[in-house]
């Protein structure tokens, strides 16, 4: 059984709520909250890939 928890790519806290993710040049990044996701976007805007358009 795999019991490893994912941690926030900004602050290192455990990710309790899924859905705060970004697609970057380095791969998918996961965050513990909207705040960490927003800060990461501001600091790394040149690394963020656009989200695919949905029809």
C-alpha atoms as a PDB file:
ATOM      1  CA  UNK A   1       0.000   0.000   0.000  1.00  0.00           C
ATOM      2  CA  UNK A   2       1.420   3.364  -1.050  1.00  0.00           C
ATOM      3  CA  UNK A   3       0.894   5.812   1.821  1.00  0.00           C
ATOM      4  CA  UNK A   4       3.184   8.630   0.678  1.00  0.00           C
ATOM      5  CA  UNK A   5       1.610  12.073   0.854  1.00  0.00           C
ATOM      6  CA  UNK A   6       2.291  14.708  -1.731  1.00  0.00           C
ATOM      7  CA  UNK A   7       3.769  17.965  -0.520  1.00  0.00           C
ATOM      8  CA  UNK A   8       3.353  21.519  -1.786  1.00  0.00           C
ATOM      9  CA  UNK A   9       5.954  22.513  -4.375  1.00  0.00           C
ATOM     10  CA  UNK A  10       6.217  25.960  -2.753  1.00  0.00           C
ATOM     11  CA  UNK A  11       6.039  25.611   1.036  1.00  0.00           C
ATOM     12  CA  UNK A  12       6.423  21.861   1.595  1.00  0.00           C
ATOM     13  CA  UNK A  13       3.194  21.329   3.570  1.00  0.00           C
ATOM     14  CA  UNK A  14       1.093  18.242   2.877  1.00  0.00           C
ATOM     15  CA  UNK A  15      -1.459  18.621   0.087  1.00  0.00           C
ATOM     16  CA  UNK A  16      -4.801  17.917   1.754  1.00  0.00           C
ATOM     17  CA  UNK A  17      -7.066  19.387  -0.968  1.00  0.00           C
ATOM     18  CA  UNK A  18      -6.449  18.377  -4.599  1.00  0.00           C
ATOM     19  CA  UNK A  19      -6.974  20.808  -7.443  1.00  0.00           C
ATOM     20  CA  UNK A  20      -4.287  23.419  -6.892  1.00  0.00           C
ATOM     21  CA  UNK A  21      -1.993  22.447  -9.762  1.00  0.00           C
ATOM     22  CA  UNK A  22      -0.029  24.109 -12.540  1.00  0.00           C
ATOM     23  CA  UNK A  23       1.426  22.690 -15.733  1.00  0.00           C
ATOM     24  CA  UNK A  24       5.013  23.940 -16.040  1.00  0.00           C
ATOM     25  CA  UNK A  25       8.025  23.330 -18.261  1.00  0.00           C
ATOM     26  CA  UNK A  26       9.382  21.151 -15.418  1.00  0.00           C
ATOM     27  CA  UNK A  27       6.185  19.079 -15.210  1.00  0.00           C
ATOM     28  CA  UNK A  28       3.043  19.313 -13.113  1.00  0.00           C
ATOM     29  CA  UNK A  29       3.362  21.186  -9.831  1.00  0.00           C
ATOM     30  CA  UNK A  30       1.002  20.682  -6.890  1.00  0.00           C
ATOM     31  CA  UNK A  31       0.164  23.175  -4.139  1.00  0.00           C
ATOM     32  CA  UNK A  32      -1.556  23.032  -0.752  1.00  0.00           C
ATOM     33  CA  UNK A  33      -3.676  26.153  -1.351  1.00  0.00           C
ATOM     34  CA  UNK A  34      -4.574  28.893  -3.835  1.00  0.00           C
ATOM     35  CA  UNK A  35      -2.096  31.255  -2.112  1.00  0.00           C
ATOM     36  CA  UNK A  36       0.920  29.037  -2.745  1.00  0.00           C
ATOM     37  CA  UNK A  37      -0.221  28.445  -6.325  1.00  0.00           C
ATOM     38  CA  UNK A  38      -0.525  32.214  -6.910  1.00  0.00           C
ATOM     39  CA  UNK A  39       2.873  33.000  -5.400  1.00  0.00           C
ATOM     40  CA  UNK A  40       4.505  30.279  -7.509  1.00  0.00           C
ATOM     41  CA  UNK A  41       2.853  31.753 -10.623  1.00  0.00           C
ATOM     42  CA  UNK A  42       4.181  35.240  -9.812  1.00  0.00           C
ATOM     43  CA  UNK A  43       7.720  34.015  -9.167  1.00  0.00           C
ATOM     44  CA  UNK A  44       7.885  31.622 -12.132  1.00  0.00           C
ATOM     45  CA  UNK A  45       5.592  33.113 -14.784  1.00  0.00           C
ATOM     46  CA  UNK A  46       8.090  32.287 -17.555  1.00  0.00           C
ATOM     47  CA  UNK A  47       7.871  28.570 -16.642  1.00  0.00           C
ATOM     48  CA  UNK A  48       4.054  28.234 -16.681  1.00  0.00           C
ATOM     49  CA  UNK A  49       2.517  26.518 -19.706  1.00  0.00           C
ATOM     50  CA  UNK A  50      -0.920  27.603 -20.950  1.00  0.00           C
ATOM     51  CA  UNK A  51      -3.847  25.410 -19.992  1.00  0.00           C
ATOM     52  CA  UNK A  52      -5.340  23.505 -22.914  1.00  0.00           C
ATOM     53  CA  UNK A  53      -8.514  25.058 -24.289  1.00  0.00           C
ATOM     54  CA  UNK A  54     -11.677  23.094 -23.595  1.00  0.00           C
ATOM     55  CA  UNK A  55     -14.457  22.980 -26.187  1.00  0.00           C
END
